Amino acid sequence: MDAAAVTDLVRRAARGDQRAWRGIVDEYGVLVWSVARGFRLDEAQTADAVQTTWLRLVEHLADIRDPERLPGWLRTTTRRACLAVARDHCREQVTDDLEQVPAVHRDGPTDDAGPETSAVRHEQQMLVRRAVAALPAQQQALLGLLVASPAPSYAQISARLGMPVGSIGPTRARILARLRTTLETAGVYDAVPA
């Protein structure tokens, strides 16, 4: 969606236009869900974080000065909501067994391997993000829909992307094969059987 269209949606939604709100949710729902699913939260916690993100948007929509930056605002707000949900969940958990306490971190799962492992993991994540960003927009959109939660049906994906239902699976396989090859070449992981 181009900047002018985003600006128009945000302005109309701020005036109470329900179709504009639906347009924002339809356009950016996959983004919000995919950011939230990147955290180690259960499904209910993830849904809470997503709901909090949309609530924050309702509260602050009129304050957004640069509507074309809405995707970044949603990413940041979703991350903060996930961290808050995780923090609240950890506070509620009473246990003597530290193994039961979930490890939640802004950049993904944590472990005791140390800073070198964290740096390598961060570099791998950046390579994966770059590989996905190098895909054509249609393929990025397809991947986003396939990992969204709740996952849309193939019929919904077909309608949204304008592609035949029968080509979704094979296209997905080609995209993943391309990503696998790109990431193997970059040394992200050793060759893994398909």
N, C-alpha and C. Protein backbone atom coordinates (compact mmCIF):
# COMPACT_ATOMS: atom_id res chain seq x y z
N MET A 1 0.86 -1.17 0.00
CA MET A 1 0.00 0.00 0.00
C MET A 1 0.91 1.23 0.00
N ASP A 2 0.62 2.17 -0.87
CA ASP A 2 1.47 3.36 -0.96
C ASP A 2 1.15 4.35 0.16
N ALA A 3 2.05 5.32 0.34
CA ALA A 3 1.94 6.28 1.45
C ALA A 3 0.64 7.08 1.41
N ALA A 4 0.21 7.47 0.21
CA ALA A 4 -1.03 8.25 0.11
C ALA A 4 -2.24 7.44 0.57
N ALA A 5 -2.26 6.16 0.20
CA ALA A 5 -3.38 5.30 0.60
C ALA A 5 -3.39 5.08 2.11
N VAL A 6 -2.21 4.88 2.70
CA VAL A 6 -2.12 4.71 4.16
C VAL A 6 -2.59 5.97 4.86
N THR A 7 -2.12 7.12 4.38
CA THR A 7 -2.52 8.40 4.98
C THR A 7 -4.03 8.58 4.92
N ASP A 8 -4.62 8.24 3.77
CA ASP A 8 -6.07 8.36 3.61
C ASP A 8 -6.80 7.44 4.59
N LEU A 9 -6.34 6.18 4.70
CA LEU A 9 -6.98 5.24 5.63
C LEU A 9 -6.90 5.76 7.07
N VAL A 10 -5.72 6.21 7.46
CA VAL A 10 -5.54 6.68 8.84
C VAL A 10 -6.42 7.90 9.12
N ARG A 11 -6.46 8.83 8.21
CA ARG A 11 -7.28 10.04 8.39
C ARG A 11 -8.77 9.68 8.50
N ARG A 12 -9.22 8.79 7.60
CA ARG A 12 -10.64 8.39 7.63
C ARG A 12 -10.96 7.63 8.91
N ALA A 13 -10.06 6.74 9.33
CA ALA A 13 -10.29 5.97 10.55
C ALA A 13 -10.33 6.90 11.76
N ALA A 14 -9.47 7.90 11.78
CA ALA A 14 -9.46 8.86 12.89
C ALA A 14 -10.77 9.62 12.98
N ARG A 15 -11.46 9.76 11.84
CA ARG A 15 -12.78 10.43 11.84
C ARG A 15 -13.91 9.45 12.14
N GLY A 16 -13.58 8.18 12.38
CA GLY A 16 -14.59 7.20 12.76
C GLY A 16 -15.12 6.34 11.63
N ASP A 17 -14.49 6.37 10.47
CA ASP A 17 -14.93 5.58 9.32
C ASP A 17 -14.60 4.09 9.58
N GLN A 18 -15.65 3.29 9.79
CA GLN A 18 -15.46 1.87 10.10
C GLN A 18 -14.83 1.08 8.96
N ARG A 19 -15.14 1.45 7.72
CA ARG A 19 -14.52 0.76 6.58
C ARG A 19 -13.02 1.02 6.55
N ALA A 20 -12.62 2.22 6.92
CA ALA A 20 -11.19 2.54 6.99
C ALA A 20 -10.51 1.71 8.07
N TRP A 21 -11.19 1.55 9.22
CA TRP A 21 -10.63 0.70 10.28
C TRP A 21 -10.45 -0.73 9.78
N ARG A 22 -11.47 -1.26 9.12
CA ARG A 22 -11.37 -2.61 8.58
C ARG A 22 -10.22 -2.69 7.57
N GLY A 23 -10.06 -1.63 6.78
CA GLY A 23 -8.96 -1.60 5.82
C GLY A 23 -7.60 -1.65 6.49
N ILE A 24 -7.46 -0.92 7.60
CA ILE A 24 -6.19 -0.94 8.35
C ILE A 24 -5.94 -2.33 8.92
N VAL A 25 -6.96 -2.91 9.53
CA VAL A 25 -6.81 -4.25 10.12
C VAL A 25 -6.52 -5.28 9.03
N ASP A 26 -7.23 -5.20 7.91
CA ASP A 26 -6.97 -6.13 6.80
C ASP A 26 -5.56 -5.99 6.26
N GLU A 27 -5.10 -4.76 6.12
CA GLU A 27 -3.78 -4.51 5.54
C GLU A 27 -2.64 -4.88 6.49
N TYR A 28 -2.80 -4.60 7.78
CA TYR A 28 -1.69 -4.76 8.71
C TYR A 28 -1.88 -5.86 9.74
N GLY A 29 -2.99 -6.58 9.68
CA GLY A 29 -3.22 -7.66 10.64
C GLY A 29 -2.15 -8.73 10.58
N VAL A 30 -1.75 -9.10 9.38
CA VAL A 30 -0.71 -10.13 9.22
C VAL A 30 0.60 -9.65 9.84
N LEU A 31 0.93 -8.40 9.63
CA LEU A 31 2.15 -7.82 10.20
C LEU A 31 2.13 -7.92 11.73
N VAL A 32 1.03 -7.49 12.33
CA VAL A 32 0.92 -7.49 13.79
C VAL A 32 1.03 -8.91 14.33
N TRP A 33 0.30 -9.84 13.72
CA TRP A 33 0.34 -11.22 14.18
C TRP A 33 1.73 -11.84 13.99
N SER A 34 2.39 -11.55 12.89
CA SER A 34 3.70 -12.16 12.66
C SER A 34 4.73 -11.63 13.64
N VAL A 35 4.67 -10.35 13.99
CA VAL A 35 5.58 -9.82 15.01
C VAL A 35 5.30 -10.49 16.35
N ALA A 36 4.03 -10.58 16.71
CA ALA A 36 3.67 -11.17 18.00
C ALA A 36 4.06 -12.64 18.09
N ARG A 37 3.92 -13.37 17.00
CA ARG A 37 4.27 -14.79 17.03
C ARG A 37 5.78 -15.01 17.13
N GLY A 38 6.56 -13.97 16.89
CA GLY A 38 8.02 -14.09 17.02
C GLY A 38 8.48 -14.17 18.46
N PHE A 39 7.58 -13.96 19.40
CA PHE A 39 7.91 -14.04 20.82
C PHE A 39 7.48 -15.40 21.35
N ARG A 40 8.08 -15.81 22.43
CA ARG A 40 7.77 -17.13 22.99
C ARG A 40 6.57 -17.03 23.92
N LEU A 41 5.42 -16.75 23.33
CA LEU A 41 4.19 -16.63 24.09
C LEU A 41 3.23 -17.72 23.64
N ASP A 42 2.33 -18.12 24.53
CA ASP A 42 1.32 -19.07 24.08
C ASP A 42 0.26 -18.32 23.27
N GLU A 43 -0.66 -19.06 22.70
CA GLU A 43 -1.64 -18.46 21.77
C GLU A 43 -2.50 -17.39 22.45
N ALA A 44 -2.92 -17.64 23.68
CA ALA A 44 -3.75 -16.65 24.39
C ALA A 44 -2.95 -15.37 24.68
N GLN A 45 -1.70 -15.52 25.09
CA GLN A 45 -0.86 -14.36 25.35
C GLN A 45 -0.60 -13.58 24.07
N THR A 46 -0.37 -14.30 22.98
CA THR A 46 -0.15 -13.65 21.69
C THR A 46 -1.39 -12.87 21.29
N ALA A 47 -2.56 -13.47 21.46
CA ALA A 47 -3.82 -12.78 21.13
C ALA A 47 -4.00 -11.54 22.01
N ASP A 48 -3.62 -11.63 23.28
CA ASP A 48 -3.70 -10.46 24.17
C ASP A 48 -2.80 -9.33 23.67
N ALA A 49 -1.59 -9.67 23.27
CA ALA A 49 -0.65 -8.66 22.78
C ALA A 49 -1.18 -8.01 21.50
N VAL A 50 -1.75 -8.82 20.62
CA VAL A 50 -2.31 -8.28 19.37
C VAL A 50 -3.48 -7.35 19.69
N GLN A 51 -4.35 -7.78 20.58
CA GLN A 51 -5.50 -6.94 20.96
C GLN A 51 -5.02 -5.63 21.60
N THR A 52 -4.00 -5.70 22.42
CA THR A 52 -3.44 -4.49 23.04
C THR A 52 -2.89 -3.55 21.98
N THR A 53 -2.25 -4.11 20.96
CA THR A 53 -1.70 -3.28 19.88
C THR A 53 -2.81 -2.51 19.19
N TRP A 54 -3.91 -3.19 18.84
CA TRP A 54 -5.02 -2.51 18.17
C TRP A 54 -5.66 -1.48 19.09
N LEU A 55 -5.75 -1.79 20.38
CA LEU A 55 -6.29 -0.84 21.34
C LEU A 55 -5.42 0.42 21.40
N ARG A 56 -4.11 0.23 21.42
CA ARG A 56 -3.19 1.38 21.42
C ARG A 56 -3.36 2.23 20.16
N LEU A 57 -3.60 1.56 19.04
CA LEU A 57 -3.81 2.31 17.80
C LEU A 57 -5.08 3.15 17.91
N VAL A 58 -6.14 2.56 18.46
CA VAL A 58 -7.38 3.32 18.64
C VAL A 58 -7.12 4.54 19.52
N GLU A 59 -6.37 4.33 20.59
CA GLU A 59 -6.09 5.42 21.54
C GLU A 59 -5.22 6.52 20.93
N HIS A 60 -4.32 6.15 20.03
CA HIS A 60 -3.31 7.11 19.54
C HIS A 60 -3.42 7.44 18.06
N LEU A 61 -4.43 6.97 17.39
CA LEU A 61 -4.52 7.18 15.95
C LEU A 61 -4.49 8.66 15.59
N ALA A 62 -5.19 9.48 16.34
CA ALA A 62 -5.23 10.92 16.03
C ALA A 62 -3.88 11.58 16.28
N ASP A 63 -3.00 10.93 17.06
CA ASP A 63 -1.69 11.50 17.39
C ASP A 63 -0.61 11.13 16.36
N ILE A 64 -0.92 10.24 15.44
CA ILE A 64 0.08 9.80 14.47
C ILE A 64 0.28 10.91 13.45
N ARG A 65 1.48 11.49 13.45
CA ARG A 65 1.79 12.62 12.57
C ARG A 65 2.17 12.18 11.16
N ASP A 66 2.83 11.03 11.04
CA ASP A 66 3.27 10.52 9.74
C ASP A 66 2.60 9.18 9.48
N PRO A 67 1.39 9.19 8.94
CA PRO A 67 0.65 7.94 8.74
C PRO A 67 1.41 6.91 7.90
N GLU A 68 2.29 7.35 7.02
CA GLU A 68 3.04 6.38 6.20
C GLU A 68 3.99 5.55 7.06
N ARG A 69 4.21 5.98 8.29
CA ARG A 69 5.06 5.22 9.21
C ARG A 69 4.25 4.27 10.08
N LEU A 70 2.99 4.10 9.78
CA LEU A 70 2.12 3.23 10.56
C LEU A 70 2.69 1.81 10.71
N PRO A 71 3.21 1.18 9.65
CA PRO A 71 3.74 -0.18 9.83
C PRO A 71 4.83 -0.25 10.91
N GLY A 72 5.74 0.70 10.92
CA GLY A 72 6.78 0.72 11.95
C GLY A 72 6.22 0.94 13.34
N TRP A 73 5.22 1.84 13.43
CA TRP A 73 4.57 2.10 14.71
C TRP A 73 3.90 0.81 15.21
N LEU A 74 3.24 0.08 14.31
CA LEU A 74 2.58 -1.16 14.70
C LEU A 74 3.59 -2.21 15.15
N ARG A 75 4.72 -2.32 14.44
CA ARG A 75 5.76 -3.28 14.85
C ARG A 75 6.25 -2.97 16.26
N THR A 76 6.61 -1.72 16.49
CA THR A 76 7.13 -1.32 17.80
C THR A 76 6.10 -1.53 18.90
N THR A 77 4.87 -1.14 18.65
CA THR A 77 3.81 -1.28 19.64
C THR A 77 3.54 -2.75 19.93
N THR A 78 3.57 -3.59 18.90
CA THR A 78 3.35 -5.02 19.09
C THR A 78 4.47 -5.62 19.94
N ARG A 79 5.71 -5.26 19.64
CA ARG A 79 6.84 -5.76 20.45
C ARG A 79 6.67 -5.37 21.91
N ARG A 80 6.33 -4.11 22.14
CA ARG A 80 6.15 -3.64 23.52
C ARG A 80 5.01 -4.37 24.21
N ALA A 81 3.93 -4.61 23.48
CA ALA A 81 2.79 -5.33 24.06
C ALA A 81 3.19 -6.76 24.41
N CYS A 82 3.96 -7.40 23.54
CA CYS A 82 4.41 -8.77 23.81
C CYS A 82 5.31 -8.82 25.04
N LEU A 83 6.22 -7.88 25.13
CA LEU A 83 7.11 -7.84 26.29
C LEU A 83 6.31 -7.61 27.58
N ALA A 84 5.31 -6.76 27.51
CA ALA A 84 4.47 -6.49 28.69
C ALA A 84 3.69 -7.73 29.09
N VAL A 85 3.13 -8.43 28.10
CA VAL A 85 2.38 -9.65 28.40
C VAL A 85 3.31 -10.70 29.01
N ALA A 86 4.48 -10.85 28.43
CA ALA A 86 5.45 -11.83 28.96
C ALA A 86 5.89 -11.46 30.37
N ARG A 87 6.15 -10.18 30.59
CA ARG A 87 6.58 -9.72 31.91
C ARG A 87 5.47 -9.98 32.94
N ASP A 88 4.23 -9.66 32.58
CA ASP A 88 3.11 -9.89 33.48
C ASP A 88 2.93 -11.37 33.76
N HIS A 89 3.10 -12.19 32.73
CA HIS A 89 2.95 -13.63 32.90
C HIS A 89 4.01 -14.17 33.86
N CYS A 90 5.25 -13.70 33.71
CA CYS A 90 6.33 -14.15 34.59
C CYS A 90 6.07 -13.75 36.04
N ARG A 91 5.48 -12.58 36.22
CA ARG A 91 5.16 -12.12 37.58
C ARG A 91 4.10 -13.00 38.22
N GLU A 92 3.19 -13.53 37.40
CA GLU A 92 2.09 -14.33 37.92
C GLU A 92 2.52 -15.75 38.24
N GLN A 93 3.59 -16.23 37.66
CA GLN A 93 4.02 -17.60 37.82
C GLN A 93 4.77 -17.77 39.13
N VAL A 94 4.32 -18.69 39.95
CA VAL A 94 5.00 -18.98 41.20
C VAL A 94 5.55 -20.39 41.09
N THR A 95 6.87 -20.48 41.13
CA THR A 95 7.51 -21.78 41.01
C THR A 95 8.91 -21.73 41.60
N ASP A 96 9.34 -22.88 42.10
CA ASP A 96 10.73 -23.00 42.55
C ASP A 96 11.60 -23.55 41.43
N ASP A 97 10.97 -24.05 40.40
CA ASP A 97 11.68 -24.66 39.28
C ASP A 97 11.94 -23.63 38.19
N LEU A 98 13.18 -23.14 38.10
CA LEU A 98 13.51 -22.12 37.12
C LEU A 98 13.36 -22.62 35.69
N GLU A 99 13.36 -23.92 35.49
CA GLU A 99 13.17 -24.48 34.15
C GLU A 99 11.78 -24.17 33.61
N GLN A 100 10.81 -23.94 34.51
CA GLN A 100 9.44 -23.67 34.07
C GLN A 100 9.21 -22.22 33.70
N VAL A 101 10.12 -21.32 34.04
CA VAL A 101 9.95 -19.91 33.74
C VAL A 101 10.35 -19.67 32.30
N PRO A 102 9.43 -19.13 31.47
CA PRO A 102 9.75 -18.94 30.06
C PRO A 102 10.83 -17.88 29.87
N ALA A 103 11.68 -18.13 28.91
CA ALA A 103 12.71 -17.15 28.55
C ALA A 103 12.17 -16.31 27.41
N VAL A 104 11.95 -15.02 27.66
CA VAL A 104 11.45 -14.12 26.64
C VAL A 104 12.44 -12.99 26.49
N HIS A 105 12.78 -12.70 25.25
CA HIS A 105 13.77 -11.67 24.97
C HIS A 105 13.36 -10.92 23.73
N ARG A 106 13.68 -9.65 23.64
CA ARG A 106 13.30 -8.80 22.51
C ARG A 106 13.73 -9.42 21.17
N ASP A 107 14.90 -10.03 21.11
CA ASP A 107 15.40 -10.56 19.85
C ASP A 107 15.12 -12.03 19.66
N GLY A 108 14.31 -12.63 20.52
CA GLY A 108 13.98 -14.04 20.35
C GLY A 108 14.38 -14.82 21.58
N PRO A 109 14.50 -16.13 21.42
CA PRO A 109 14.79 -16.98 22.56
C PRO A 109 16.18 -16.71 23.11
N THR A 110 16.31 -16.91 24.42
CA THR A 110 17.60 -16.72 25.06
C THR A 110 18.11 -18.07 25.55
N ASP A 111 19.38 -18.12 25.81
CA ASP A 111 19.96 -19.31 26.41
C ASP A 111 21.20 -18.87 27.17
N ASP A 112 21.89 -19.83 27.74
CA ASP A 112 23.06 -19.52 28.55
C ASP A 112 24.35 -19.66 27.76
N ALA A 113 24.28 -19.67 26.44
CA ALA A 113 25.46 -19.91 25.63
C ALA A 113 26.41 -18.72 25.58
N GLY A 114 25.96 -17.55 25.96
CA GLY A 114 26.85 -16.41 26.03
C GLY A 114 26.71 -15.45 24.87
N PRO A 115 27.50 -14.38 24.93
CA PRO A 115 27.38 -13.31 23.94
C PRO A 115 27.76 -13.73 22.52
N GLU A 116 28.71 -14.65 22.38
CA GLU A 116 29.10 -15.07 21.04
C GLU A 116 27.94 -15.75 20.32
N THR A 117 27.26 -16.64 21.02
CA THR A 117 26.11 -17.33 20.43
C THR A 117 25.00 -16.34 20.11
N SER A 118 24.78 -15.38 21.00
CA SER A 118 23.76 -14.36 20.75
C SER A 118 24.10 -13.54 19.51
N ALA A 119 25.38 -13.21 19.35
CA ALA A 119 25.80 -12.43 18.17
C ALA A 119 25.60 -13.24 16.90
N VAL A 120 25.94 -14.52 16.94
CA VAL A 120 25.76 -15.38 15.77
C VAL A 120 24.27 -15.51 15.45
N ARG A 121 23.45 -15.70 16.47
CA ARG A 121 22.01 -15.82 16.26
C ARG A 121 21.45 -14.53 15.65
N HIS A 122 21.91 -13.40 16.15
CA HIS A 122 21.44 -12.11 15.61
C HIS A 122 21.83 -11.97 14.14
N GLU A 123 23.06 -12.35 13.81
CA GLU A 123 23.51 -12.27 12.42
C GLU A 123 22.68 -13.20 11.52
N GLN A 124 22.37 -14.39 12.01
CA GLN A 124 21.54 -15.32 11.24
C GLN A 124 20.15 -14.75 11.02
N GLN A 125 19.58 -14.14 12.04
CA GLN A 125 18.26 -13.53 11.91
C GLN A 125 18.28 -12.42 10.87
N MET A 126 19.33 -11.63 10.87
CA MET A 126 19.45 -10.55 9.89
C MET A 126 19.55 -11.12 8.47
N LEU A 127 20.30 -12.21 8.31
CA LEU A 127 20.43 -12.83 6.98
C LEU A 127 19.08 -13.38 6.51
N VAL A 128 18.33 -13.97 7.42
CA VAL A 128 17.00 -14.48 7.06
C VAL A 128 16.09 -13.31 6.66
N ARG A 129 16.11 -12.24 7.44
CA ARG A 129 15.28 -11.07 7.10
C ARG A 129 15.65 -10.51 5.73
N ARG A 130 16.97 -10.43 5.45
CA ARG A 130 17.40 -9.92 4.14
C ARG A 130 16.96 -10.84 3.02
N ALA A 131 17.04 -12.15 3.25
CA ALA A 131 16.63 -13.10 2.21
C ALA A 131 15.14 -12.97 1.92
N VAL A 132 14.34 -12.81 2.96
CA VAL A 132 12.90 -12.64 2.76
C VAL A 132 12.62 -11.29 2.08
N ALA A 133 13.34 -10.25 2.50
CA ALA A 133 13.13 -8.93 1.90
C ALA A 133 13.52 -8.91 0.43
N ALA A 134 14.40 -9.80 0.01
CA ALA A 134 14.83 -9.85 -1.39
C ALA A 134 13.81 -10.55 -2.29
N LEU A 135 12.84 -11.22 -1.68
CA LEU A 135 11.80 -11.88 -2.46
C LEU A 135 10.89 -10.84 -3.10
N PRO A 136 10.26 -11.18 -4.21
CA PRO A 136 9.26 -10.27 -4.79
C PRO A 136 8.12 -10.02 -3.78
N ALA A 137 7.49 -8.87 -3.88
CA ALA A 137 6.44 -8.47 -2.93
C ALA A 137 5.33 -9.52 -2.82
N GLN A 138 4.92 -10.09 -3.93
CA GLN A 138 3.84 -11.09 -3.93
C GLN A 138 4.25 -12.31 -3.10
N GLN A 139 5.52 -12.72 -3.22
CA GLN A 139 5.99 -13.87 -2.45
C GLN A 139 6.11 -13.53 -0.97
N GLN A 140 6.54 -12.31 -0.66
CA GLN A 140 6.59 -11.89 0.74
C GLN A 140 5.19 -11.89 1.34
N ALA A 141 4.23 -11.40 0.57
CA ALA A 141 2.84 -11.36 1.05
C ALA A 141 2.32 -12.77 1.30
N LEU A 142 2.63 -13.68 0.38
CA LEU A 142 2.19 -15.07 0.54
C LEU A 142 2.79 -15.68 1.81
N LEU A 143 4.09 -15.50 2.01
CA LEU A 143 4.71 -16.03 3.23
C LEU A 143 4.08 -15.43 4.48
N GLY A 144 3.83 -14.13 4.46
CA GLY A 144 3.20 -13.47 5.61
C GLY A 144 1.85 -14.07 5.93
N LEU A 145 1.07 -14.34 4.91
CA LEU A 145 -0.26 -14.92 5.13
C LEU A 145 -0.16 -16.36 5.62
N LEU A 146 0.82 -17.10 5.12
CA LEU A 146 0.96 -18.50 5.51
C LEU A 146 1.39 -18.66 6.97
N VAL A 147 2.08 -17.66 7.53
CA VAL A 147 2.51 -17.77 8.92
C VAL A 147 1.63 -16.96 9.87
N ALA A 148 0.61 -16.33 9.34
CA ALA A 148 -0.27 -15.50 10.17
C ALA A 148 -1.07 -16.36 11.14
N SER A 149 -1.47 -15.73 12.21
CA SER A 149 -2.34 -16.39 13.16
C SER A 149 -3.46 -15.43 13.52
N PRO A 150 -4.67 -15.83 13.35
CA PRO A 150 -5.09 -17.13 12.85
C PRO A 150 -4.78 -17.26 11.37
N ALA A 151 -4.44 -18.47 10.98
CA ALA A 151 -4.05 -18.71 9.60
C ALA A 151 -5.26 -18.63 8.68
N PRO A 152 -5.17 -17.82 7.62
CA PRO A 152 -6.28 -17.77 6.67
C PRO A 152 -6.33 -19.05 5.83
N SER A 153 -7.49 -19.37 5.31
CA SER A 153 -7.62 -20.54 4.45
C SER A 153 -6.97 -20.24 3.11
N TYR A 154 -6.70 -21.29 2.33
CA TYR A 154 -6.15 -21.09 0.99
C TYR A 154 -7.12 -20.27 0.14
N ALA A 155 -8.42 -20.44 0.35
CA ALA A 155 -9.41 -19.66 -0.41
C ALA A 155 -9.27 -18.17 -0.07
N GLN A 156 -9.07 -17.87 1.21
CA GLN A 156 -8.89 -16.47 1.61
C GLN A 156 -7.59 -15.90 1.06
N ILE A 157 -6.53 -16.71 1.09
CA ILE A 157 -5.25 -16.27 0.53
C ILE A 157 -5.41 -16.02 -0.96
N SER A 158 -6.10 -16.92 -1.63
CA SER A 158 -6.34 -16.79 -3.07
C SER A 158 -7.05 -15.48 -3.38
N ALA A 159 -8.10 -15.19 -2.62
CA ALA A 159 -8.87 -13.96 -2.84
C ALA A 159 -8.01 -12.72 -2.55
N ARG A 160 -7.24 -12.79 -1.49
CA ARG A 160 -6.42 -11.63 -1.09
C ARG A 160 -5.30 -11.34 -2.09
N LEU A 161 -4.66 -12.41 -2.58
CA LEU A 161 -3.50 -12.22 -3.46
C LEU A 161 -3.82 -12.36 -4.94
N GLY A 162 -5.04 -12.81 -5.24
CA GLY A 162 -5.42 -12.97 -6.63
C GLY A 162 -4.66 -14.10 -7.32
N MET A 163 -4.39 -15.16 -6.59
CA MET A 163 -3.70 -16.30 -7.20
C MET A 163 -4.56 -17.55 -7.03
N PRO A 164 -4.49 -18.47 -7.98
CA PRO A 164 -5.31 -19.69 -7.88
C PRO A 164 -4.97 -20.50 -6.63
N VAL A 165 -5.98 -21.10 -6.02
CA VAL A 165 -5.78 -21.91 -4.83
C VAL A 165 -4.77 -23.02 -5.10
N GLY A 166 -4.85 -23.63 -6.28
CA GLY A 166 -3.96 -24.74 -6.61
C GLY A 166 -2.51 -24.35 -6.77
N SER A 167 -2.21 -23.07 -6.89
CA SER A 167 -0.81 -22.68 -7.05
C SER A 167 -0.17 -22.23 -5.74
N ILE A 168 -0.97 -22.12 -4.67
CA ILE A 168 -0.42 -21.64 -3.40
C ILE A 168 0.62 -22.60 -2.84
N GLY A 169 0.30 -23.89 -2.75
CA GLY A 169 1.24 -24.88 -2.20
C GLY A 169 2.53 -24.97 -3.01
N PRO A 170 2.42 -25.14 -4.34
CA PRO A 170 3.65 -25.19 -5.13
C PRO A 170 4.48 -23.90 -5.07
N THR A 171 3.81 -22.76 -5.03
CA THR A 171 4.53 -21.49 -4.93
C THR A 171 5.24 -21.41 -3.58
N ARG A 172 4.57 -21.83 -2.54
CA ARG A 172 5.18 -21.88 -1.21
C ARG A 172 6.42 -22.75 -1.23
N ALA A 173 6.33 -23.92 -1.84
CA ALA A 173 7.48 -24.83 -1.91
C ALA A 173 8.65 -24.19 -2.66
N ARG A 174 8.35 -23.50 -3.76
CA ARG A 174 9.43 -22.83 -4.52
C ARG A 174 10.07 -21.71 -3.70
N ILE A 175 9.24 -20.95 -2.98
CA ILE A 175 9.77 -19.85 -2.16
C ILE A 175 10.70 -20.42 -1.08
N LEU A 176 10.23 -21.46 -0.39
CA LEU A 176 11.04 -22.04 0.68
C LEU A 176 12.33 -22.65 0.14
N ALA A 177 12.26 -23.27 -1.04
CA ALA A 177 13.47 -23.83 -1.65
C ALA A 177 14.45 -22.71 -1.98
N ARG A 178 13.93 -21.60 -2.50
CA ARG A 178 14.79 -20.46 -2.83
C ARG A 178 15.44 -19.89 -1.56
N LEU A 179 14.64 -19.74 -0.51
CA LEU A 179 15.19 -19.25 0.75
C LEU A 179 16.23 -20.21 1.32
N ARG A 180 15.94 -21.49 1.25
CA ARG A 180 16.87 -22.51 1.76
C ARG A 180 18.21 -22.39 1.03
N THR A 181 18.17 -22.29 -0.31
CA THR A 181 19.39 -22.17 -1.10
C THR A 181 20.15 -20.89 -0.75
N THR A 182 19.42 -19.79 -0.65
CA THR A 182 20.05 -18.50 -0.31
C THR A 182 20.71 -18.57 1.06
N LEU A 183 20.04 -19.17 2.03
CA LEU A 183 20.56 -19.23 3.39
C LEU A 183 21.70 -20.23 3.51
N GLU A 184 21.64 -21.32 2.75
CA GLU A 184 22.76 -22.27 2.75
C GLU A 184 24.00 -21.61 2.17
N THR A 185 23.82 -20.85 1.08
CA THR A 185 24.93 -20.15 0.45
C THR A 185 25.54 -19.13 1.41
N ALA A 186 24.69 -18.48 2.19
CA ALA A 186 25.15 -17.49 3.16
C ALA A 186 25.73 -18.13 4.42
N GLY A 187 25.59 -19.47 4.53
CA GLY A 187 26.14 -20.18 5.68
C GLY A 187 25.29 -20.11 6.92
N VAL A 188 24.01 -19.81 6.77
CA VAL A 188 23.13 -19.73 7.94
C VAL A 188 22.98 -21.10 8.57
N TYR A 189 22.86 -22.12 7.76
CA TYR A 189 22.83 -23.48 8.29
C TYR A 189 23.34 -24.43 7.22
N ASP A 190 23.77 -25.59 7.68
CA ASP A 190 24.24 -26.59 6.74
C ASP A 190 23.06 -27.10 5.94
N ALA A 191 23.35 -27.69 4.80
CA ALA A 191 22.29 -28.20 3.94
C ALA A 191 21.37 -29.11 4.74
N VAL A 192 20.11 -28.86 4.62
CA VAL A 192 19.08 -29.64 5.31
C VAL A 192 18.24 -30.30 4.23
N PRO A 193 17.96 -31.60 4.35
CA PRO A 193 17.12 -32.23 3.34
C PRO A 193 15.76 -31.56 3.27
N ALA A 194 15.22 -31.46 2.07
CA ALA A 194 13.92 -30.80 1.86
C ALA A 194 12.80 -31.60 2.45
